[in-house]
Amino acid sequence: MSSPDVIAFRWLRSGDDTFAAMLSAIDAARASIEFESYIYTASPLGEQFRDALIRASRRGVRVQVLIDSFGSITLSDNFWGPLRKAGG
């Protein structure tokens, strides 16, 4: 049972643990997601996050993404097109 008065945390020991927890949180979101990143590439991991955000948007979650233009300089202009189409 959760309560707004209860604060919990989980120690994430690696990038893999962190990414898995982030993807799980995206998949569990019901109202909104605010996703921010400095470095972002069109790698398999980057595509996995984009696709999770698309799924969230399609199920009615409000999705906002803020990506630094310098940290994602190699990202093509159309990478986020599918998310925009999904309403994100």
PDB file of N, CA and C in Angstrom:
ATOM      1  N   MET A   1       0.850  -1.165   0.000  1.00  0.00           N
ATOM      2  CA  MET A   1       0.000   0.000   0.000  1.00  0.00           C
ATOM      3  C   MET A   1       0.898   1.230   0.000  1.00  0.00           C
ATOM      4  N   SER A   2       0.580   2.204  -0.845  1.00  0.00           N
ATOM      5  CA  SER A   2       1.399   3.409  -0.868  1.00  0.00           C
ATOM      6  C   SER A   2       0.624   4.576  -0.281  1.00  0.00           C
ATOM      7  N   SER A   3       1.369   5.512   0.208  1.00  0.00           N
ATOM      8  CA  SER A   3       0.788   6.701   0.811  1.00  0.00           C
ATOM      9  C   SER A   3       1.660   7.885   0.432  1.00  0.00           C
ATOM     10  N   PRO A   4       1.084   9.059   0.238  1.00  0.00           N
ATOM     11  CA  PRO A   4       1.914  10.217  -0.068  1.00  0.00           C
ATOM     12  C   PRO A   4       2.883  10.552   1.056  1.00  0.00           C
ATOM     13  N   ASP A   5       2.626  10.043   2.261  1.00  0.00           N
ATOM     14  CA  ASP A   5       3.498  10.322   3.396  1.00  0.00           C
ATOM     15  C   ASP A   5       4.661   9.344   3.508  1.00  0.00           C
ATOM     16  N   VAL A   6       4.667   8.302   2.686  1.00  0.00           N
ATOM     17  CA  VAL A   6       5.719   7.291   2.738  1.00  0.00           C
ATOM     18  C   VAL A   6       6.702   7.551   1.609  1.00  0.00           C
ATOM     19  N   ILE A   7       7.959   7.679   1.969  1.00  0.00           N
ATOM     20  CA  ILE A   7       9.004   7.892   0.977  1.00  0.00           C
ATOM     21  C   ILE A   7       9.823   6.614   0.888  1.00  0.00           C
ATOM     22  N   ALA A   8      10.017   6.136  -0.320  1.00  0.00           N
ATOM     23  CA  ALA A   8      10.799   4.916  -0.520  1.00  0.00           C
ATOM     24  C   ALA A   8      11.870   5.184  -1.566  1.00  0.00           C
ATOM     25  N   PHE A   9      12.939   4.423  -1.487  1.00  0.00           N
ATOM     26  CA  PHE A   9      13.968   4.521  -2.506  1.00  0.00           C
ATOM     27  C   PHE A   9      14.558   3.145  -2.740  1.00  0.00           C
ATOM     28  N   ARG A  10      15.208   3.007  -3.874  1.00  0.00           N
ATOM     29  CA  ARG A  10      15.854   1.751  -4.223  1.00  0.00           C
ATOM     30  C   ARG A  10      17.233   2.087  -4.768  1.00  0.00           C
ATOM     31  N   TRP A  11      18.240   1.389  -4.295  1.00  0.00           N
ATOM     32  CA  TRP A  11      19.604   1.605  -4.736  1.00  0.00           C
ATOM     33  C   TRP A  11      19.782   0.956  -6.101  1.00  0.00           C
ATOM     34  N   LEU A  12      20.164   1.739  -7.106  1.00  0.00           N
ATOM     35  CA  LEU A  12      20.397   1.236  -8.458  1.00  0.00           C
ATOM     36  C   LEU A  12      21.902   1.192  -8.672  1.00  0.00           C
ATOM     37  N   ARG A  13      22.427  -0.009  -8.836  1.00  0.00           N
ATOM     38  CA  ARG A  13      23.873  -0.207  -8.820  1.00  0.00           C
ATOM     39  C   ARG A  13      24.556  -0.048 -10.164  1.00  0.00           C
ATOM     40  N   SER A  14      23.807   0.000 -11.240  1.00  0.00           N
ATOM     41  CA  SER A  14      24.446   0.085 -12.556  1.00  0.00           C
ATOM     42  C   SER A  14      23.548   0.843 -13.519  1.00  0.00           C
ATOM     43  N   GLY A  15      24.113   1.190 -14.658  1.00  0.00           N
ATOM     44  CA  GLY A  15      23.315   1.814 -15.700  1.00  0.00           C
ATOM     45  C   GLY A  15      22.184   0.915 -16.144  1.00  0.00           C
ATOM     46  N   ASP A  16      22.468  -0.382 -16.265  1.00  0.00           N
ATOM     47  CA  ASP A  16      21.420  -1.325 -16.671  1.00  0.00           C
ATOM     48  C   ASP A  16      20.265  -1.323 -15.678  1.00  0.00           C
ATOM     49  N   ASP A  17      20.587  -1.315 -14.377  1.00  0.00           N
ATOM     50  CA  ASP A  17      19.540  -1.258 -13.346  1.00  0.00           C
ATOM     51  C   ASP A  17      18.743   0.044 -13.452  1.00  0.00           C
ATOM     52  N   THR A  18      19.461   1.137 -13.679  1.00  0.00           N
ATOM     53  CA  THR A  18      18.813   2.442 -13.777  1.00  0.00           C
ATOM     54  C   THR A  18      17.891   2.508 -14.982  1.00  0.00           C
ATOM     55  N   PHE A  19      18.387   2.063 -16.138  1.00  0.00           N
ATOM     56  CA  PHE A  19      17.562   2.103 -17.350  1.00  0.00           C
ATOM     57  C   PHE A  19      16.337   1.213 -17.212  1.00  0.00           C
ATOM     58  N   ALA A  20      16.504   0.038 -16.609  1.00  0.00           N
ATOM     59  CA  ALA A  20      15.361  -0.865 -16.406  1.00  0.00           C
ATOM     60  C   ALA A  20      14.318  -0.211 -15.500  1.00  0.00           C
ATOM     61  N   ALA A  21      14.769   0.464 -14.443  1.00  0.00           N
ATOM     62  CA  ALA A  21      13.838   1.139 -13.531  1.00  0.00           C
ATOM     63  C   ALA A  21      13.131   2.293 -14.237  1.00  0.00           C
ATOM     64  N   MET A  22      13.859   3.031 -15.063  1.00  0.00           N
ATOM     65  CA  MET A  22      13.252   4.138 -15.802  1.00  0.00           C
ATOM     66  C   MET A  22      12.204   3.631 -16.789  1.00  0.00           C
ATOM     67  N   LEU A  23      12.531   2.564 -17.513  1.00  0.00           N
ATOM     68  CA  LEU A  23      11.575   1.998 -18.468  1.00  0.00           C
ATOM     69  C   LEU A  23      10.348   1.454 -17.752  1.00  0.00           C
ATOM     70  N   SER A  24      10.557   0.850 -16.598  1.00  0.00           N
ATOM     71  CA  SER A  24       9.438   0.346 -15.804  1.00  0.00           C
ATOM     72  C   SER A  24       8.536   1.495 -15.351  1.00  0.00           C
ATOM     73  N   ALA A  25       9.143   2.599 -14.945  1.00  0.00           N
ATOM     74  CA  ALA A  25       8.359   3.762 -14.523  1.00  0.00           C
ATOM     75  C   ALA A  25       7.563   4.341 -15.694  1.00  0.00           C
ATOM     76  N   ILE A  26       8.169   4.377 -16.874  1.00  0.00           N
ATOM     77  CA  ILE A  26       7.450   4.852 -18.065  1.00  0.00           C
ATOM     78  C   ILE A  26       6.265   3.942 -18.347  1.00  0.00           C
ATOM     79  N   ASP A  27       6.493   2.642 -18.279  1.00  0.00           N
ATOM     80  CA  ASP A  27       5.413   1.682 -18.550  1.00  0.00           C
ATOM     81  C   ASP A  27       4.298   1.755 -17.510  1.00  0.00           C
ATOM     82  N   ALA A  28       4.618   2.182 -16.291  1.00  0.00           N
ATOM     83  CA  ALA A  28       3.620   2.248 -15.218  1.00  0.00           C
ATOM     84  C   ALA A  28       2.913   3.600 -15.141  1.00  0.00           C
ATOM     85  N   ALA A  29       3.417   4.592 -15.858  1.00  0.00           N
ATOM     86  CA  ALA A  29       2.843   5.940 -15.775  1.00  0.00           C
ATOM     87  C   ALA A  29       1.391   5.948 -16.234  1.00  0.00           C
ATOM     88  N   ARG A  30       0.582   6.703 -15.515  1.00  0.00           N
ATOM     89  CA  ARG A  30      -0.845   6.789 -15.849  1.00  0.00           C
ATOM     90  C   ARG A  30      -1.294   8.200 -16.199  1.00  0.00           C
ATOM     91  N   ALA A  31      -0.578   9.210 -15.755  1.00  0.00           N
ATOM     92  CA  ALA A  31      -1.033  10.585 -15.991  1.00  0.00           C
ATOM     93  C   ALA A  31      -0.069  11.375 -16.872  1.00  0.00           C
ATOM     94  N   SER A  32       1.199  11.446 -16.464  1.00  0.00           N
ATOM     95  CA  SER A  32       2.138  12.255 -17.241  1.00  0.00           C
ATOM     96  C   SER A  32       3.569  11.766 -17.057  1.00  0.00           C
ATOM     97  N   ILE A  33       4.391  12.086 -18.052  1.00  0.00           N
ATOM     98  CA  ILE A  33       5.825  11.785 -18.023  1.00  0.00           C
ATOM     99  C   ILE A  33       6.550  13.039 -18.479  1.00  0.00           C
ATOM    100  N   GLU A  34       7.549  13.455 -17.720  1.00  0.00           N
ATOM    101  CA  GLU A  34       8.447  14.531 -18.122  1.00  0.00           C
ATOM    102  C   GLU A  34       9.835  13.913 -18.207  1.00  0.00           C
ATOM    103  N   PHE A  35      10.324  13.718 -19.418  1.00  0.00           N
ATOM    104  CA  PHE A  35      11.570  13.004 -19.681  1.00  0.00           C
ATOM    105  C   PHE A  35      12.623  14.008 -20.138  1.00  0.00           C
ATOM    106  N   GLU A  36      13.745  14.061 -19.430  1.00  0.00           N
ATOM    107  CA  GLU A  36      14.830  14.974 -19.775  1.00  0.00           C
ATOM    108  C   GLU A  36      16.128  14.195 -19.913  1.00  0.00           C
ATOM    109  N   SER A  37      16.948  14.592 -20.902  1.00  0.00           N
ATOM    110  CA  SER A  37      18.240  13.944 -21.081  1.00  0.00           C
ATOM    111  C   SER A  37      19.205  14.911 -21.752  1.00  0.00           C
ATOM    112  N   TYR A  38      20.454  14.838 -21.350  1.00  0.00           N
ATOM    113  CA  TYR A  38      21.484  15.655 -21.996  1.00  0.00           C
ATOM    114  C   TYR A  38      22.019  14.921 -23.222  1.00  0.00           C
ATOM    115  N   ILE A  39      22.540  13.722 -23.035  1.00  0.00           N
ATOM    116  CA  ILE A  39      23.081  12.940 -24.150  1.00  0.00           C
ATOM    117  C   ILE A  39      22.035  11.917 -24.564  1.00  0.00           C
ATOM    118  N   TYR A  40      21.689  11.944 -25.853  1.00  0.00           N
ATOM    119  CA  TYR A  40      20.683  11.014 -26.366  1.00  0.00           C
ATOM    120  C   TYR A  40      21.067  10.648 -27.783  1.00  0.00           C
ATOM    121  N   THR A  41      21.094   9.347 -28.073  1.00  0.00           N
ATOM    122  CA  THR A  41      21.441   8.878 -29.414  1.00  0.00           C
ATOM    123  C   THR A  41      20.380   7.914 -29.923  1.00  0.00           C
ATOM    124  N   ALA A  42      20.404   7.702 -31.232  1.00  0.00           N
ATOM    125  CA  ALA A  42      19.459   6.768 -31.860  1.00  0.00           C
ATOM    126  C   ALA A  42      20.011   5.348 -31.780  1.00  0.00           C
ATOM    127  N   SER A  43      20.472   4.976 -30.624  1.00  0.00           N
ATOM    128  CA  SER A  43      21.003   3.632 -30.367  1.00  0.00           C
ATOM    129  C   SER A  43      19.838   2.699 -30.056  1.00  0.00           C
ATOM    130  N   PRO A  44      20.100   1.400 -29.957  1.00  0.00           N
ATOM    131  CA  PRO A  44      19.019   0.501 -29.535  1.00  0.00           C
ATOM    132  C   PRO A  44      18.390   0.930 -28.203  1.00  0.00           C
ATOM    133  N   LEU A  45      19.198   1.416 -27.265  1.00  0.00           N
ATOM    134  CA  LEU A  45      18.650   1.877 -25.986  1.00  0.00           C
ATOM    135  C   LEU A  45      17.812   3.143 -26.178  1.00  0.00           C
ATOM    136  N   GLY A  46      18.304   4.072 -26.974  1.00  0.00           N
ATOM    137  CA  GLY A  46      17.545   5.286 -27.257  1.00  0.00           C
ATOM    138  C   GLY A  46      16.216   4.974 -27.918  1.00  0.00           C
ATOM    139  N   GLU A  47      16.227   4.020 -28.842  1.00  0.00           N
ATOM    140  CA  GLU A  47      14.985   3.605 -29.499  1.00  0.00           C
ATOM    141  C   GLU A  47      14.043   2.915 -28.517  1.00  0.00           C
ATOM    142  N   GLN A  48      14.602   2.158 -27.585  1.00  0.00           N
ATOM    143  CA  GLN A  48      13.783   1.480 -26.573  1.00  0.00           C
ATOM    144  C   GLN A  48      13.046   2.509 -25.709  1.00  0.00           C
ATOM    145  N   PHE A  49      13.748   3.572 -25.307  1.00  0.00           N
ATOM    146  CA  PHE A  49      13.102   4.625 -24.527  1.00  0.00           C
ATOM    147  C   PHE A  49      12.060   5.359 -25.363  1.00  0.00           C
ATOM    148  N   ARG A  50      12.407   5.713 -26.603  1.00  0.00           N
ATOM    149  CA  ARG A  50      11.436   6.389 -27.466  1.00  0.00           C
ATOM    150  C   ARG A  50      10.178   5.545 -27.632  1.00  0.00           C
ATOM    151  N   ASP A  51      10.352   4.253 -27.884  1.00  0.00           N
ATOM    152  CA  ASP A  51       9.200   3.374 -28.093  1.00  0.00           C
ATOM    153  C   ASP A  51       8.349   3.238 -26.829  1.00  0.00           C
ATOM    154  N   ALA A  52       8.994   3.232 -25.656  1.00  0.00           N
ATOM    155  CA  ALA A  52       8.239   3.183 -24.394  1.00  0.00           C
ATOM    156  C   ALA A  52       7.427   4.464 -24.217  1.00  0.00           C
ATOM    157  N   LEU A  53       8.007   5.599 -24.589  1.00  0.00           N
ATOM    158  CA  LEU A  53       7.284   6.867 -24.504  1.00  0.00           C
ATOM    159  C   LEU A  53       6.117   6.900 -25.489  1.00  0.00           C
ATOM    160  N   ILE A  54       6.303   6.319 -26.664  1.00  0.00           N
ATOM    161  CA  ILE A  54       5.215   6.220 -27.648  1.00  0.00           C
ATOM    162  C   ILE A  54       4.073   5.386 -27.084  1.00  0.00           C
ATOM    163  N   ARG A  55       4.397   4.236 -26.495  1.00  0.00           N
ATOM    164  CA  ARG A  55       3.348   3.390 -25.905  1.00  0.00           C
ATOM    165  C   ARG A  55       2.589   4.148 -24.822  1.00  0.00           C
ATOM    166  N   ALA A  56       3.324   4.896 -24.007  1.00  0.00           N
ATOM    167  CA  ALA A  56       2.678   5.669 -22.941  1.00  0.00           C
ATOM    168  C   ALA A  56       1.732   6.705 -23.538  1.00  0.00           C
ATOM    169  N   SER A  57       2.188   7.405 -24.550  1.00  0.00           N
ATOM    170  CA  SER A  57       1.347   8.419 -25.180  1.00  0.00           C
ATOM    171  C   SER A  57       0.090   7.798 -25.776  1.00  0.00           C
ATOM    172  N   ARG A  58       0.230   6.644 -26.386  1.00  0.00           N
ATOM    173  CA  ARG A  58      -0.921   5.967 -26.998  1.00  0.00           C
ATOM    174  C   ARG A  58      -1.943   5.505 -25.967  1.00  0.00           C
ATOM    175  N   ARG A  59      -1.512   5.291 -24.738  1.00  0.00           N
ATOM    176  CA  ARG A  59      -2.487   4.886 -23.720  1.00  0.00           C
ATOM    177  C   ARG A  59      -3.023   6.081 -22.936  1.00  0.00           C
ATOM    178  N   GLY A  60      -2.743   7.279 -23.445  1.00  0.00           N
ATOM    179  CA  GLY A  60      -3.342   8.477 -22.873  1.00  0.00           C
ATOM    180  C   GLY A  60      -2.490   9.240 -21.884  1.00  0.00           C
ATOM    181  N   VAL A  61      -1.244   8.847 -21.706  1.00  0.00           N
ATOM    182  CA  VAL A  61      -0.341   9.545 -20.792  1.00  0.00           C
ATOM    183  C   VAL A  61       0.191  10.797 -21.497  1.00  0.00           C
ATOM    184  N   ARG A  62       0.204  11.907 -20.796  1.00  0.00           N
ATOM    185  CA  ARG A  62       0.777  13.144 -21.346  1.00  0.00           C
ATOM    186  C   ARG A  62       2.299  13.023 -21.290  1.00  0.00           C
ATOM    187  N   VAL A  63       2.961  13.070 -22.445  1.00  0.00           N
ATOM    188  CA  VAL A  63       4.410  12.868 -22.527  1.00  0.00           C
ATOM    189  C   VAL A  63       5.082  14.152 -23.010  1.00  0.00           C
ATOM    190  N   GLN A  64       6.055  14.622 -22.234  1.00  0.00           N
ATOM    191  CA  GLN A  64       6.878  15.759 -22.621  1.00  0.00           C
ATOM    192  C   GLN A  64       8.337  15.315 -22.590  1.00  0.00           C
ATOM    193  N   VAL A  65       9.090  15.690 -23.631  1.00  0.00           N
ATOM    194  CA  VAL A  65      10.493  15.300 -23.742  1.00  0.00           C
ATOM    195  C   VAL A  65      11.336  16.558 -23.906  1.00  0.00           C
ATOM    196  N   LEU A  66      12.410  16.652 -23.133  1.00  0.00           N
ATOM    197  CA  LEU A  66      13.363  17.747 -23.253  1.00  0.00           C
ATOM    198  C   LEU A  66      14.742  17.125 -23.455  1.00  0.00           C
ATOM    199  N   ILE A  67      15.299  17.321 -24.645  1.00  0.00           N
ATOM    200  CA  ILE A  67      16.604  16.758 -24.999  1.00  0.00           C
ATOM    201  C   ILE A  67      17.526  17.910 -25.375  1.00  0.00           C
ATOM    202  N   ASP A  68      18.730  17.936 -24.831  1.00  0.00           N
ATOM    203  CA  ASP A  68      19.701  18.973 -25.143  1.00  0.00           C
ATOM    204  C   ASP A  68      20.170  18.838 -26.589  1.00  0.00           C
ATOM    205  N   SER A  69      20.183  19.929 -27.328  1.00  0.00           N
ATOM    206  CA  SER A  69      20.554  19.860 -28.743  1.00  0.00           C
ATOM    207  C   SER A  69      22.038  19.553 -28.939  1.00  0.00           C
ATOM    208  N   PHE A  70      22.904  19.996 -28.042  1.00  0.00           N
ATOM    209  CA  PHE A  70      24.322  19.684 -28.180  1.00  0.00           C
ATOM    210  C   PHE A  70      24.607  18.235 -27.794  1.00  0.00           C
ATOM    211  N   GLY A  71      23.985  17.764 -26.736  1.00  0.00           N
ATOM    212  CA  GLY A  71      24.199  16.392 -26.277  1.00  0.00           C
ATOM    213  C   GLY A  71      23.565  15.349 -27.178  1.00  0.00           C
ATOM    214  N   SER A  72      22.734  15.789 -28.099  1.00  0.00           N
ATOM    215  CA  SER A  72      22.092  14.856 -29.035  1.00  0.00           C
ATOM    216  C   SER A  72      22.325  15.302 -30.475  1.00  0.00           C
ATOM    217  N   ILE A  73      23.487  15.876 -30.720  1.00  0.00           N
ATOM    218  CA  ILE A  73      23.786  16.474 -32.022  1.00  0.00           C
ATOM    219  C   ILE A  73      23.713  15.461 -33.170  1.00  0.00           C
ATOM    220  N   THR A  74      23.937  14.187 -32.881  1.00  0.00           N
ATOM    221  CA  THR A  74      23.894  13.169 -33.942  1.00  0.00           C
ATOM    222  C   THR A  74      22.487  12.638 -34.195  1.00  0.00           C
ATOM    223  N   LEU A  75      21.525  13.061 -33.414  1.00  0.00           N
ATOM    224  CA  LEU A  75      20.150  12.572 -33.546  1.00  0.00           C
ATOM    225  C   LEU A  75      19.482  13.225 -34.756  1.00  0.00           C
ATOM    226  N   SER A  76      18.878  12.422 -35.615  1.00  0.00           N
ATOM    227  CA  SER A  76      18.223  12.970 -36.807  1.00  0.00           C
ATOM    228  C   SER A  76      16.944  13.716 -36.423  1.00  0.00           C
ATOM    229  N   ASP A  77      16.542  14.626 -37.276  1.00  0.00           N
ATOM    230  CA  ASP A  77      15.344  15.435 -37.023  1.00  0.00           C
ATOM    231  C   ASP A  77      14.082  14.600 -36.924  1.00  0.00           C
ATOM    232  N   ASN A  78      14.040  13.474 -37.616  1.00  0.00           N
ATOM    233  CA  ASN A  78      12.805  12.672 -37.637  1.00  0.00           C
ATOM    234  C   ASN A  78      12.769  11.569 -36.580  1.00  0.00           C
ATOM    235  N   PHE A  79      13.772  11.497 -35.703  1.00  0.00           N
ATOM    236  CA  PHE A  79      13.805  10.441 -34.691  1.00  0.00           C
ATOM    237  C   PHE A  79      12.563  10.471 -33.806  1.00  0.00           C
ATOM    238  N   TRP A  80      12.111  11.654 -33.436  1.00  0.00           N
ATOM    239  CA  TRP A  80      10.967  11.800 -32.532  1.00  0.00           C
ATOM    240  C   TRP A  80       9.640  11.874 -33.283  1.00  0.00           C
ATOM    241  N   GLY A  81       9.664  11.780 -34.612  1.00  0.00           N
ATOM    242  CA  GLY A  81       8.435  11.836 -35.403  1.00  0.00           C
ATOM    243  C   GLY A  81       7.360  10.861 -34.951  1.00  0.00           C
ATOM    244  N   PRO A  82       7.703   9.587 -34.711  1.00  0.00           N
ATOM    245  CA  PRO A  82       6.677   8.641 -34.257  1.00  0.00           C
ATOM    246  C   PRO A  82       6.035   9.033 -32.918  1.00  0.00           C
ATOM    247  N   LEU A  83       6.808   9.647 -32.028  1.00  0.00           N
ATOM    248  CA  LEU A  83       6.232  10.100 -30.756  1.00  0.00           C
ATOM    249  C   LEU A  83       5.294  11.279 -30.997  1.00  0.00           C
ATOM    250  N   ARG A  84       5.698  12.195 -31.861  1.00  0.00           N
ATOM    251  CA  ARG A  84       4.817  13.327 -32.182  1.00  0.00           C
ATOM    252  C   ARG A  84       3.507  12.829 -32.784  1.00  0.00           C
ATOM    253  N   LYS A  85       3.612  11.839 -33.669  1.00  0.00           N
ATOM    254  CA  LYS A  85       2.405  11.266 -34.287  1.00  0.00           C
ATOM    255  C   LYS A  85       1.491  10.634 -33.250  1.00  0.00           C
ATOM    256  N   ALA A  86       2.089  10.074 -32.204  1.00  0.00           N
ATOM    257  CA  ALA A  86       1.314   9.418 -31.145  1.00  0.00           C
ATOM    258  C   ALA A  86       0.736  10.431 -30.159  1.00  0.00           C
ATOM    259  N   GLY A  87       1.053  11.711 -30.351  1.00  0.00           N
ATOM    260  CA  GLY A  87       0.499  12.746 -29.483  1.00  0.00           C
ATOM    261  C   GLY A  87       1.441  13.236 -28.410  1.00  0.00           C
ATOM    262  N   GLY A  88       2.665  12.742 -28.404  1.00  0.00           N
ATOM    263  CA  GLY A  88       3.639  13.146 -27.384  1.00  0.00           C
ATOM    264  C   GLY A  88       4.361  14.405 -27.745  1.00  0.00           C
TER     265      GLY A  88
END
